[in-house]
Amino acid sequence: MSTGELLRRAIRRHRGRMIAGVLVLSLHQATEAAVPVAIGIFVDRAVATGRFEPLLWCVLMMVVLFAVLSNAWKTGARQVVWAIEYETHLLRLEIAQRVLDPRGHRTGLRSGELLSIATSDAEKAALVMRAVSIGCAAATALIVSSVSLLLVDVPLGLGVLIGVPLLVLGIQALSPLLTRRTSSQQEAVAQTTALATDLVGGLRTLRGIGAQHNAAARYRRSSQATLRATLRAASTNGLQDGVTTALSGLLLAAVAGVSGWFALNGRITIGQLITVVGLAQFVAEPVGTLGYASQILAMARASAGRLASVLSSPPLITSGSGTTVDPSKPLLELDQVSYKSLSAVDLVLTPGESVGVLCYDPRDADALLSVVSGRAPEHTGVLRVGGTPIEELDIDVVRRTVLLERHETDLFEGTLRSNLLVDSPSLERVMTAAGAADLIDELDRPLADRGQSLSGGQRQRLGLARALLAEPPVLVLHDPSTAVDAVTEELLAEGLAEERAGLSTLVLTSSPALLGKMDRVVVIADGAVVAEGLHSELAASDSVYQEAVLR
């Protein structure tokens, strides 16, 4: 999806309200342009003649004119604002859907940048409807004003008809520069937002290593770069406003001077002079509105480009159409898989088996998790789920079969119960199995965003309980007990073994309590499988293994 396609689609899917809004706002501008004409008629027909009847009709005409003017603005603005707000909502939903797509995305953007796009850019892109509506209304005002001036005096009308387009073209010359600077500003804002998100998330770690001052200095530099980009965009906006105001003033002065000369020579009446001067003064407003509309359009175009880059980004992984998994075959099988630090790894997880994996190098664990989750499209070798290559299976089938619970648990604002997503009769049993029995009485406890009100161990155990409640055929865990004490770790290991009895479980860990409950343990060193067996056997025969797990 291109920038132009996104903007055109925004207008097209709200075309009903946009048509109504443009028509009624154009009526507002037409009646506003008619005010100087009505005043001129009022002067010539009523004031100059001194007759009562024309005076009464002119007063009634002005009442009707202003009643239409005020109600047209209110009605038209309501239609356009509704369309803008609803389009903003739809764009945010699309960005959220794209970001949460289980196939992933290749944007390369951090969470903070995506957040900025989903909030600020979505709002600015939807403003294209405001630019179109006020631009059409301003064009209507110029047409009505020009026709009225032509009816008063042809040379005056032609002067406005020629002068105004030249003025608009001059204003538009600054739009490309404004678009570039607005795009740079939005990118700088997104990068600063992403940095702020990262720093807030890692604040405890930064304080622990004494790096908060370096982090603050880095954020200060990013913030200052954003300020400079914002000031550059603001200066371009200011330049465009200044040019618009100056040229509009010059046009008004020229029209007023010529019309005054014509009135002195008797070529036009006093009422027509008032009409011409009033219209010439009024013309500055729609011309300024056109300049403002071009600014909005430039901002909308810059933000739409960033939105389109996310919405049109290719998925990180491809998904097949297969919908069946053979439960009699190994539920998870790696055949000569190589990826990043991994080299020709073979690993088989049969139905009902629990396997522990000890990686001496954390990079091997990260690479293995990426492969198992299906987020390593560049890997070589074959990854099978239920005997079928993962590329041939539908992504929903893979997600229902294999559940990966990473070391960092994602929790959301709400309560403990809402984060578990299920109110199962086995809830208490599962929480006990996850070593979270102390949280059973606090299920309705409010949680802060990302579970910051919980300790690291509580978040970890809550994540494990949520994974166990899902009862997936294959559960993959990554260091599920690093933030708990030894006693809780032993209870957690026993509970996990009991709860997953008869189901397949793959645990990447160096915990002797967890490895001791596995049916077998696979050891990976330097990217390859170097040993396999029971935990007790490996601990007794391999000094490197013993040093890695018996802490």
Protein backbone atom coordinates (compact mmCIF):
# COMPACT_ATOMS: atom_id res chain seq x y z
CA MET A 1 0.00 0.00 0.00
CA SER A 2 1.41 3.36 -1.05
CA THR A 3 1.00 6.72 0.68
CA GLY A 4 -1.50 7.95 -1.90
CA GLU A 5 -3.53 4.73 -1.74
CA LEU A 6 -3.82 4.99 2.04
CA LEU A 7 -5.01 8.61 1.88
CA ARG A 8 -7.48 7.89 -0.93
CA ARG A 9 -8.82 4.88 0.94
CA ALA A 10 -9.37 7.01 4.05
CA ILE A 11 -11.59 9.37 2.07
CA ARG A 12 -13.30 6.58 0.14
CA ARG A 13 -14.44 4.55 3.13
CA HIS A 14 -16.07 7.62 4.68
CA ARG A 15 -17.34 9.03 1.41
CA GLY A 16 -20.94 9.40 2.66
CA ARG A 17 -20.05 11.68 5.54
CA MET A 18 -17.31 13.35 3.50
CA ILE A 19 -19.73 14.26 0.69
CA ALA A 20 -22.25 15.58 3.21
CA GLY A 21 -19.57 17.48 5.10
CA VAL A 22 -18.03 19.02 1.96
CA LEU A 23 -21.42 20.08 0.58
CA VAL A 24 -22.57 21.68 3.83
CA LEU A 25 -19.21 23.37 4.51
CA SER A 26 -19.22 24.64 0.93
CA LEU A 27 -22.71 26.04 1.58
CA HIS A 28 -21.31 27.78 4.67
CA GLN A 29 -18.50 29.34 2.66
CA ALA A 30 -20.88 30.32 -0.15
CA THR A 31 -23.21 32.09 2.27
CA GLU A 32 -20.25 33.76 3.96
CA ALA A 33 -19.10 35.04 0.57
CA ALA A 34 -22.65 36.25 -0.05
CA VAL A 35 -22.58 38.49 3.04
CA PRO A 36 -20.66 41.38 1.34
CA VAL A 37 -22.97 41.03 -1.67
CA ALA A 38 -26.02 41.25 0.58
CA ILE A 39 -24.60 44.31 2.35
CA GLY A 40 -23.98 46.00 -1.00
CA ILE A 41 -27.54 45.31 -2.08
CA PHE A 42 -28.75 46.56 1.31
CA VAL A 43 -26.94 49.88 0.78
CA ASP A 44 -28.08 50.42 -2.83
CA ARG A 45 -31.68 49.23 -2.46
CA ALA A 46 -32.57 50.38 1.06
CA VAL A 47 -30.12 52.88 2.54
CA ALA A 48 -29.59 54.97 -0.62
CA THR A 49 -33.33 55.07 -1.46
CA GLY A 50 -34.60 55.51 2.10
CA ARG A 51 -37.57 53.19 1.44
CA PHE A 52 -38.96 51.03 4.26
CA GLU A 53 -40.09 47.96 2.30
CA PRO A 54 -36.66 47.17 0.76
CA LEU A 55 -35.13 47.77 4.18
CA LEU A 56 -37.45 45.15 5.72
CA TRP A 57 -36.67 42.62 2.99
CA CYS A 58 -32.94 43.22 3.35
CA VAL A 59 -33.09 42.67 7.12
CA LEU A 60 -35.02 39.40 6.64
CA MET A 61 -32.51 38.32 3.99
CA MET A 62 -29.61 38.94 6.38
CA VAL A 63 -31.33 36.96 9.16
CA VAL A 64 -31.86 33.97 6.86
CA LEU A 65 -28.32 34.27 5.52
CA PHE A 66 -26.69 34.18 8.94
CA ALA A 67 -28.99 31.39 10.15
CA VAL A 68 -27.92 29.21 7.21
CA LEU A 69 -24.29 30.24 7.67
CA SER A 70 -24.06 29.23 11.33
CA ASN A 71 -26.01 25.98 11.04
CA ALA A 72 -24.15 24.90 7.90
CA TRP A 73 -20.79 25.24 9.69
CA LYS A 74 -21.98 23.30 12.72
CA THR A 75 -23.49 20.47 10.66
CA GLY A 76 -20.62 20.18 8.17
CA ALA A 77 -17.90 20.27 10.80
CA ARG A 78 -19.66 17.53 12.78
CA GLN A 79 -19.70 15.20 9.75
CA VAL A 80 -16.03 15.74 8.96
CA VAL A 81 -14.87 15.43 12.59
CA TRP A 82 -16.80 12.17 12.95
CA ALA A 83 -15.09 10.80 9.82
CA ILE A 84 -11.65 11.91 11.09
CA GLU A 85 -12.07 10.33 14.51
CA TYR A 86 -13.45 7.08 13.12
CA GLU A 87 -10.68 6.84 10.51
CA THR A 88 -8.08 7.43 13.25
CA HIS A 89 -9.65 4.58 15.21
CA LEU A 90 -9.62 2.27 12.18
CA LEU A 91 -5.98 3.07 11.38
CA ARG A 92 -4.95 2.33 14.95
CA LEU A 93 -6.78 -0.98 14.82
CA GLU A 94 -5.02 -1.87 11.57
CA ILE A 95 -1.60 -1.02 12.99
CA ALA A 96 -2.34 -3.03 16.14
CA GLN A 97 -3.53 -5.97 14.05
CA ARG A 98 -0.43 -5.82 11.88
CA VAL A 99 1.92 -5.57 14.86
CA LEU A 100 0.15 -8.44 16.68
CA ASP A 101 0.07 -10.65 13.58
CA PRO A 102 1.58 -13.99 14.67
CA ARG A 103 3.58 -14.06 11.43
CA GLY A 104 5.53 -11.01 12.60
CA HIS A 105 6.67 -8.08 10.45
CA ARG A 106 9.86 -6.87 8.80
CA THR A 107 9.60 -3.18 9.64
CA GLY A 108 12.67 -3.20 11.89
CA LEU A 109 10.90 -0.69 14.16
CA ARG A 110 11.02 -0.81 17.94
CA SER A 111 7.96 -0.88 20.18
CA GLY A 112 8.16 2.84 20.94
CA GLU A 113 8.33 3.73 17.22
CA LEU A 114 5.33 1.53 16.47
CA LEU A 115 3.49 3.18 19.37
CA SER A 116 4.21 6.62 17.91
CA ILE A 117 2.94 5.51 14.49
CA ALA A 118 -0.24 4.02 15.99
CA THR A 119 -1.02 7.19 17.91
CA SER A 120 0.44 10.37 16.43
CA ASP A 121 0.78 9.27 12.79
CA ALA A 122 -2.68 7.68 12.67
CA GLU A 123 -4.21 10.90 13.95
CA LYS A 124 -2.31 13.09 11.47
CA ALA A 125 -2.99 10.84 8.47
CA ALA A 126 -6.75 10.99 9.14
CA LEU A 127 -6.55 14.79 8.92
CA VAL A 128 -6.41 14.40 5.13
CA MET A 129 -10.22 14.54 5.30
CA ARG A 130 -10.05 17.88 7.03
CA ALA A 131 -7.68 19.19 4.38
CA VAL A 132 -9.99 18.02 1.59
CA SER A 133 -13.15 19.38 3.21
CA ILE A 134 -11.85 22.83 4.07
CA GLY A 135 -9.99 22.99 0.73
CA CYS A 136 -13.21 22.30 -1.22
CA ALA A 137 -15.12 24.79 0.93
CA ALA A 138 -12.43 27.44 0.37
CA ALA A 139 -12.52 26.80 -3.39
CA THR A 140 -16.30 27.27 -3.32
CA ALA A 141 -15.85 30.59 -1.52
CA LEU A 142 -13.36 31.74 -4.16
CA ILE A 143 -15.67 30.72 -7.01
CA VAL A 144 -18.67 32.55 -5.48
CA SER A 145 -16.52 35.61 -4.79
CA SER A 146 -15.08 35.62 -8.31
CA VAL A 147 -18.50 35.26 -9.97
CA SER A 148 -19.88 38.07 -7.79
CA LEU A 149 -16.95 40.31 -8.72
CA LEU A 150 -17.45 39.50 -12.43
CA LEU A 151 -21.08 40.54 -12.15
CA VAL A 152 -20.04 43.83 -10.56
CA ASP A 153 -17.17 44.56 -12.95
CA VAL A 154 -15.42 42.21 -15.39
CA PRO A 155 -11.86 43.60 -15.03
CA LEU A 156 -12.10 43.34 -11.24
CA GLY A 157 -13.40 39.81 -11.47
CA LEU A 158 -10.67 38.79 -13.90
CA GLY A 159 -8.07 40.33 -11.62
CA VAL A 160 -9.19 38.13 -8.76
CA LEU A 161 -9.56 35.06 -10.99
CA ILE A 162 -5.98 35.45 -12.23
CA GLY A 163 -4.42 36.65 -8.98
CA VAL A 164 -5.84 33.98 -6.69
CA PRO A 165 -4.59 30.91 -8.66
CA LEU A 166 -1.12 32.46 -8.90
CA LEU A 167 -1.24 33.04 -5.17
CA VAL A 168 -2.26 29.43 -4.45
CA LEU A 169 0.49 28.07 -6.73
CA GLY A 170 3.04 30.18 -4.89
CA ILE A 171 1.87 28.79 -1.59
CA GLN A 172 1.99 25.19 -2.88
CA ALA A 173 5.65 25.62 -3.83
CA LEU A 174 6.54 25.25 -0.13
CA SER A 175 4.55 22.00 0.35
CA PRO A 176 7.32 19.52 -0.64
CA LEU A 177 9.73 21.14 1.82
CA LEU A 178 7.06 21.05 4.53
CA THR A 179 6.35 17.36 3.81
CA ARG A 180 10.04 16.44 4.12
CA ARG A 181 10.52 18.37 7.34
CA THR A 182 7.30 17.03 8.86
CA SER A 183 8.36 13.47 7.99
CA SER A 184 11.75 14.04 9.63
CA GLN A 185 10.02 15.44 12.70
CA GLN A 186 7.72 12.41 13.00
CA GLU A 187 10.67 10.03 12.64
CA ALA A 188 12.60 11.91 15.34
CA VAL A 189 9.57 11.84 17.65
CA ALA A 190 9.15 8.09 17.08
CA GLN A 191 12.82 7.38 17.83
CA THR A 192 12.70 9.43 21.03
CA THR A 193 9.49 7.67 22.07
CA ALA A 194 11.09 4.29 21.44
CA LEU A 195 14.14 5.27 23.48
CA ALA A 196 11.96 6.50 26.34
CA THR A 197 10.01 3.22 26.30
CA ASP A 198 13.22 1.19 26.44
CA LEU A 199 14.67 3.28 29.26
CA VAL A 200 11.52 3.09 31.38
CA GLY A 201 11.33 -0.68 30.87
CA GLY A 202 14.95 -1.14 31.92
CA LEU A 203 15.07 1.49 34.66
CA ARG A 204 15.74 -0.99 37.47
CA THR A 205 18.58 -2.57 35.52
CA LEU A 206 20.09 0.82 34.70
CA ARG A 207 20.02 1.81 38.35
CA GLY A 208 21.50 -1.53 39.33
CA ILE A 209 24.56 -1.05 37.12
CA GLY A 210 24.78 2.69 37.74
CA ALA A 211 24.15 3.63 34.11
CA GLN A 212 21.19 5.94 34.65
CA HIS A 213 23.30 9.05 33.98
CA ASN A 214 24.52 7.72 30.63
CA ALA A 215 20.95 6.76 29.72
CA ALA A 216 19.72 10.25 30.65
CA ALA A 217 22.43 11.84 28.50
CA ARG A 218 21.46 9.63 25.56
CA TYR A 219 17.79 10.57 25.95
CA ARG A 220 18.75 14.25 26.22
CA ARG A 221 20.60 14.06 22.88
CA SER A 222 17.67 12.31 21.23
CA SER A 223 15.22 14.83 22.67
CA GLN A 224 17.32 17.74 21.44
CA ALA A 225 17.45 16.23 17.93
CA THR A 226 13.66 15.95 18.03
CA LEU A 227 13.41 19.57 19.14
CA ARG A 228 15.58 20.69 16.24
CA ALA A 229 13.47 18.72 13.75
CA THR A 230 10.28 20.18 15.24
CA LEU A 231 11.64 23.72 15.03
CA ARG A 232 12.61 23.19 11.39
CA ALA A 233 9.08 22.00 10.59
CA ALA A 234 7.59 24.89 12.58
CA SER A 235 9.77 27.43 10.76
CA THR A 236 8.53 26.11 7.41
CA ASN A 237 4.95 26.35 8.68
CA GLY A 238 5.61 29.90 9.81
CA LEU A 239 7.18 30.83 6.47
CA GLN A 240 4.15 29.48 4.62
CA ASP A 241 1.76 31.36 6.91
CA GLY A 242 3.75 34.56 6.44
CA VAL A 243 3.86 34.25 2.66
CA THR A 244 0.14 33.50 2.55
CA THR A 245 -0.75 36.51 4.72
CA ALA A 246 1.56 38.92 2.85
CA LEU A 247 0.40 37.94 -0.63
CA SER A 248 -3.26 37.94 0.44
CA GLY A 249 -2.81 41.45 1.85
CA LEU A 250 -1.21 42.68 -1.37
CA LEU A 251 -4.06 41.21 -3.42
CA LEU A 252 -6.62 42.86 -1.12
CA ALA A 253 -4.88 46.24 -1.36
CA ALA A 254 -4.76 46.06 -5.15
CA VAL A 255 -8.44 45.15 -5.51
CA ALA A 256 -9.54 47.77 -2.97
CA GLY A 257 -7.48 50.49 -4.71
CA VAL A 258 -8.84 49.75 -8.18
CA SER A 259 -12.45 49.47 -6.99
CA GLY A 260 -12.15 52.77 -5.09
CA TRP A 261 -10.90 54.47 -8.26
CA PHE A 262 -13.85 53.01 -10.20
CA ALA A 263 -16.30 54.31 -7.58
CA LEU A 264 -14.85 57.81 -7.77
CA ASN A 265 -15.32 57.75 -11.54
CA GLY A 266 -18.91 56.56 -11.22
CA ARG A 267 -18.20 53.22 -12.87
CA ILE A 268 -19.60 51.33 -9.87
CA THR A 269 -22.04 52.35 -7.13
CA ILE A 270 -21.30 52.81 -3.42
CA GLY A 271 -23.01 49.50 -2.68
CA GLN A 272 -20.91 47.77 -5.32
CA LEU A 273 -17.78 49.38 -3.86
CA ILE A 274 -18.68 47.93 -0.46
CA THR A 275 -19.30 44.56 -2.09
CA VAL A 276 -15.98 44.59 -3.95
CA VAL A 277 -13.95 45.69 -0.91
CA GLY A 278 -15.79 43.22 1.33
CA LEU A 279 -15.23 40.35 -1.12
CA ALA A 280 -11.60 41.29 -1.63
CA GLN A 281 -11.10 41.27 2.12
CA PHE A 282 -13.03 38.02 2.45
CA VAL A 283 -10.96 36.36 -0.30
CA ALA A 284 -7.95 36.49 2.03
CA GLU A 285 -9.70 33.97 4.30
CA PRO A 286 -10.23 31.14 1.76
CA VAL A 287 -6.77 31.77 0.33
CA GLY A 288 -5.33 31.41 3.83
CA THR A 289 -7.50 28.33 4.31
CA LEU A 290 -6.04 26.80 1.15
CA GLY A 291 -2.56 27.44 2.53
CA TYR A 292 -3.54 25.84 5.84
CA ALA A 293 -5.09 22.89 3.97
CA SER A 294 -1.78 22.37 2.14
CA GLN A 295 0.03 22.28 5.49
CA ILE A 296 -2.39 19.68 6.83
CA LEU A 297 -2.07 17.67 3.63
CA ALA A 298 1.73 17.73 3.91
CA MET A 299 1.56 16.42 7.49
CA ALA A 300 -1.02 13.79 6.51
CA ARG A 301 1.15 12.65 3.60
CA ALA A 302 4.23 12.30 5.81
CA SER A 303 2.36 10.32 8.46
CA ALA A 304 0.55 8.21 5.85
CA GLY A 305 3.93 7.20 4.45
CA ARG A 306 5.00 5.85 7.84
CA LEU A 307 1.67 4.06 8.30
CA ALA A 308 1.88 2.54 4.82
CA SER A 309 5.42 1.25 5.50
CA VAL A 310 4.09 -0.75 8.46
CA LEU A 311 0.84 -1.94 6.88
CA SER A 312 2.58 -3.07 3.68
CA SER A 313 5.59 -4.66 5.38
CA PRO A 314 6.01 -8.35 4.46
CA PRO A 315 5.49 -10.98 7.18
CA LEU A 316 8.53 -12.28 9.00
CA ILE A 317 7.46 -15.89 8.47
CA THR A 318 5.43 -17.56 5.75
CA SER A 319 2.35 -19.62 6.53
CA GLY A 320 1.10 -22.69 4.70
CA SER A 321 -2.41 -24.08 4.40
CA GLY A 322 -2.00 -27.36 6.25
CA THR A 323 -4.52 -27.89 9.04
CA THR A 324 -3.71 -31.33 10.43
CA VAL A 325 -1.01 -32.53 12.79
CA ASP A 326 -0.33 -36.27 13.19
CA PRO A 327 -0.31 -36.92 16.99
CA SER A 328 1.45 -40.27 16.51
CA LYS A 329 4.56 -38.62 15.09
CA PRO A 330 7.08 -36.47 16.98
CA LEU A 331 5.27 -33.26 17.86
CA LEU A 332 8.46 -31.25 17.47
CA GLU A 333 11.44 -32.29 15.36
CA LEU A 334 14.55 -30.37 14.31
CA ASP A 335 16.43 -32.06 11.47
CA GLN A 336 19.91 -30.66 10.75
CA VAL A 337 18.78 -27.15 11.65
CA SER A 338 21.31 -24.32 11.40
CA TYR A 339 20.52 -20.74 12.38
CA LYS A 340 22.80 -18.02 13.71
CA SER A 341 24.97 -19.80 16.31
CA LEU A 342 23.27 -23.20 15.81
CA SER A 343 24.92 -25.72 13.49
CA ALA A 344 23.16 -28.88 12.23
CA VAL A 345 21.10 -29.46 15.39
CA ASP A 346 18.94 -32.59 15.65
CA LEU A 347 16.26 -32.62 18.35
CA VAL A 348 13.13 -34.78 18.67
CA LEU A 349 10.24 -34.29 21.10
CA THR A 350 7.90 -37.28 21.09
CA PRO A 351 4.28 -37.24 22.36
CA GLY A 352 4.12 -37.18 26.15
CA GLU A 353 7.86 -36.61 26.56
CA SER A 354 9.53 -33.92 28.64
CA VAL A 355 12.95 -32.79 27.42
CA GLY A 356 15.34 -30.37 29.05
CA VAL A 357 17.83 -28.40 26.95
CA LEU A 358 20.99 -26.96 28.48
CA CYS A 359 22.77 -24.39 26.32
CA TYR A 360 26.19 -23.38 27.54
CA ASP A 361 26.01 -20.26 25.36
CA PRO A 362 22.87 -18.07 25.79
CA ARG A 363 23.05 -17.23 22.08
CA ASP A 364 22.31 -20.87 21.28
CA ALA A 365 19.20 -20.74 23.47
CA ASP A 366 17.95 -17.57 21.77
CA ALA A 367 18.54 -19.06 18.32
CA LEU A 368 16.77 -22.30 19.27
CA LEU A 369 13.76 -20.39 20.60
CA SER A 370 13.56 -18.38 17.36
CA VAL A 371 13.56 -21.59 15.33
CA VAL A 372 10.98 -23.37 17.49
CA SER A 373 8.66 -20.36 17.44
CA GLY A 374 8.81 -20.27 13.64
CA ARG A 375 10.40 -16.81 13.57
CA ALA A 376 13.62 -17.84 11.88
CA PRO A 377 12.80 -17.94 8.15
CA GLU A 378 16.49 -17.89 7.22
CA HIS A 379 17.27 -21.17 8.98
CA THR A 380 18.47 -24.21 7.07
CA GLY A 381 17.33 -27.73 7.75
CA VAL A 382 13.77 -28.80 8.54
CA LEU A 383 11.53 -28.02 11.50
CA ARG A 384 8.55 -30.36 11.68
CA VAL A 385 5.44 -30.15 13.84
CA GLY A 386 3.54 -33.42 14.03
CA GLY A 387 5.53 -34.77 11.09
CA THR A 388 4.75 -31.79 8.80
CA PRO A 389 7.27 -29.05 7.94
CA ILE A 390 6.24 -25.91 9.78
CA GLU A 391 6.22 -23.88 6.54
CA GLU A 392 3.37 -26.08 5.24
CA LEU A 393 1.14 -25.60 8.29
CA ASP A 394 -1.33 -22.81 8.84
CA ILE A 395 -0.02 -20.38 11.46
CA ASP A 396 -3.09 -20.90 13.67
CA VAL A 397 -2.48 -24.66 13.71
CA VAL A 398 1.13 -24.09 14.76
CA ARG A 399 0.06 -21.70 17.52
CA ARG A 400 -2.53 -24.16 18.83
CA THR A 401 0.07 -26.95 18.85
CA VAL A 402 3.19 -25.19 20.12
CA LEU A 403 3.07 -22.60 22.91
CA LEU A 404 6.27 -20.74 23.71
CA GLU A 405 6.48 -19.02 27.11
CA ARG A 406 9.54 -16.81 27.04
CA HIS A 407 11.68 -15.74 29.96
CA GLU A 408 10.21 -12.22 29.91
CA THR A 409 6.51 -12.46 30.75
CA ASP A 410 4.10 -10.02 29.12
CA LEU A 411 1.43 -8.85 31.57
CA PHE A 412 -1.19 -6.18 31.09
CA GLU A 413 -2.99 -3.62 33.18
CA GLY A 414 -6.03 -5.11 34.92
CA THR A 415 -6.11 -7.89 37.49
CA LEU A 416 -4.30 -11.17 38.01
CA ARG A 417 -7.46 -13.00 36.96
CA SER A 418 -7.82 -11.04 33.70
CA ASN A 419 -4.18 -11.79 32.83
CA LEU A 420 -4.84 -15.51 33.15
CA LEU A 421 -7.57 -15.16 30.49
CA VAL A 422 -9.53 -18.09 31.84
CA ASP A 423 -11.60 -18.93 34.92
CA SER A 424 -11.05 -22.69 34.94
CA PRO A 425 -12.03 -25.04 37.77
CA SER A 426 -8.40 -26.20 37.73
CA LEU A 427 -7.13 -22.66 38.25
CA GLU A 428 -6.02 -23.13 41.86
CA ARG A 429 -4.37 -26.46 41.08
CA VAL A 430 -2.44 -25.02 38.16
CA MET A 431 -1.32 -21.96 40.12
CA THR A 432 -0.07 -24.26 42.86
CA ALA A 433 1.79 -26.31 40.26
CA ALA A 434 3.42 -23.10 38.98
CA GLY A 435 4.58 -22.23 42.51
CA ALA A 436 2.08 -19.35 42.65
CA ALA A 437 -0.13 -20.62 45.46
CA ASP A 438 0.54 -17.39 47.37
CA LEU A 439 -1.27 -15.45 44.61
CA ILE A 440 -4.51 -17.46 44.67
CA ASP A 441 -6.12 -15.14 47.20
CA GLU A 442 -5.04 -12.09 45.18
CA LEU A 443 -6.62 -12.95 41.83
CA ASP A 444 -8.63 -9.72 41.83
CA ARG A 445 -5.62 -7.64 42.79
CA PRO A 446 -5.16 -4.67 40.41
CA LEU A 447 -2.04 -4.75 38.25
CA ALA A 448 -0.08 -1.84 36.87
CA ASP A 449 0.96 -1.79 33.24
CA ARG A 450 3.38 -4.65 32.39
CA GLY A 451 2.82 -6.04 35.89
CA GLN A 452 5.26 -3.58 37.46
CA SER A 453 3.49 -3.92 40.83
CA LEU A 454 4.61 -7.57 40.99
CA SER A 455 8.06 -8.89 41.76
CA GLY A 456 10.08 -10.62 39.05
CA GLY A 457 9.35 -14.03 40.56
CA GLN A 458 5.62 -13.36 40.77
CA ARG A 459 5.49 -12.27 37.12
CA GLN A 460 7.43 -15.37 36.11
CA ARG A 461 5.18 -17.77 38.02
CA LEU A 462 2.02 -16.05 36.77
CA GLY A 463 3.25 -16.45 33.19
CA LEU A 464 3.93 -20.13 33.78
CA ALA A 465 0.45 -20.63 35.28
CA ARG A 466 -1.11 -18.97 32.22
CA ALA A 467 0.86 -21.28 29.92
CA LEU A 468 -0.18 -24.39 31.88
CA LEU A 469 -3.85 -23.36 31.80
CA ALA A 470 -3.71 -23.28 27.99
CA GLU A 471 -2.83 -27.02 27.98
CA PRO A 472 -0.99 -26.95 24.63
CA PRO A 473 0.17 -30.23 23.06
CA VAL A 474 3.72 -28.81 23.10
CA LEU A 475 4.85 -26.35 25.76
CA VAL A 476 8.23 -24.65 25.34
CA LEU A 477 9.61 -22.85 28.40
CA HIS A 478 12.66 -20.63 28.67
CA ASP A 479 14.21 -20.29 32.14
CA PRO A 480 10.86 -20.38 34.01
CA SER A 481 12.45 -20.35 37.48
CA THR A 482 15.35 -17.88 37.42
CA ALA A 483 13.60 -15.33 39.67
CA VAL A 484 12.45 -17.69 42.46
CA ASP A 485 14.21 -19.15 45.48
CA ALA A 486 15.43 -22.74 45.69
CA VAL A 487 12.43 -24.03 47.68
CA THR A 488 9.90 -22.48 45.28
CA GLU A 489 11.95 -23.75 42.33
CA GLU A 490 11.71 -27.32 43.62
CA LEU A 491 7.93 -27.00 44.14
CA LEU A 492 7.61 -25.51 40.66
CA ALA A 493 9.59 -28.37 39.09
CA GLU A 494 7.45 -30.99 40.79
CA GLY A 495 4.22 -29.20 39.89
CA LEU A 496 5.30 -28.81 36.25
CA ALA A 497 6.11 -32.52 35.97
CA GLU A 498 2.73 -33.50 37.44
CA GLU A 499 0.69 -30.96 35.44
CA ARG A 500 2.35 -31.85 32.11
CA ALA A 501 2.28 -35.63 32.61
CA GLY A 502 1.29 -37.20 29.29
CA LEU A 503 1.95 -33.95 27.39
CA SER A 504 5.08 -32.85 25.56
CA THR A 505 7.28 -30.24 27.22
CA LEU A 506 10.56 -28.65 26.14
CA VAL A 507 12.39 -26.65 28.81
CA LEU A 508 15.47 -24.53 28.10
CA THR A 509 17.08 -24.12 31.50
CA SER A 510 20.16 -24.66 33.65
CA SER A 511 18.10 -25.39 36.78
CA PRO A 512 19.04 -28.78 38.30
CA ALA A 513 15.58 -29.00 39.89
CA LEU A 514 13.86 -28.74 36.50
CA LEU A 515 16.43 -30.83 34.59
CA GLY A 516 16.12 -33.55 37.20
CA LYS A 517 12.40 -33.94 36.40
CA MET A 518 12.94 -34.28 32.63
CA ASP A 519 12.76 -37.61 30.78
CA ARG A 520 16.06 -36.68 29.16
CA VAL A 521 18.41 -33.74 28.81
CA VAL A 522 20.03 -32.46 25.60
CA VAL A 523 23.23 -30.44 25.93
CA ILE A 524 24.16 -27.87 23.25
CA ALA A 525 27.65 -26.38 23.11
CA ASP A 526 29.17 -24.28 20.34
CA GLY A 527 25.89 -24.52 18.43
CA ALA A 528 25.77 -28.35 18.28
CA VAL A 529 24.34 -31.18 20.38
CA VAL A 530 27.27 -32.61 22.37
CA ALA A 531 25.54 -34.83 24.94
CA GLU A 532 22.21 -36.43 25.76
CA GLY A 533 20.91 -38.44 28.70
CA LEU A 534 19.41 -38.27 32.17
CA HIS A 535 20.32 -35.35 34.37
CA SER A 536 21.80 -37.57 37.04
CA GLU A 537 23.99 -39.41 34.52
CA LEU A 538 25.27 -36.23 32.88
CA ALA A 539 25.96 -34.57 36.22
CA ALA A 540 27.99 -37.58 37.33
CA SER A 541 30.01 -38.04 34.13
CA ASP A 542 30.49 -34.54 32.67
CA SER A 543 32.42 -31.98 34.70
CA VAL A 544 31.45 -29.10 32.39
CA TYR A 545 27.79 -30.02 32.73
CA GLN A 546 28.20 -30.35 36.48
CA GLU A 547 29.76 -26.90 36.73
CA ALA A 548 26.96 -25.35 34.60
CA VAL A 549 24.01 -26.70 36.59
CA LEU A 550 25.15 -27.55 40.13
CA ARG A 551 25.39 -24.01 41.46
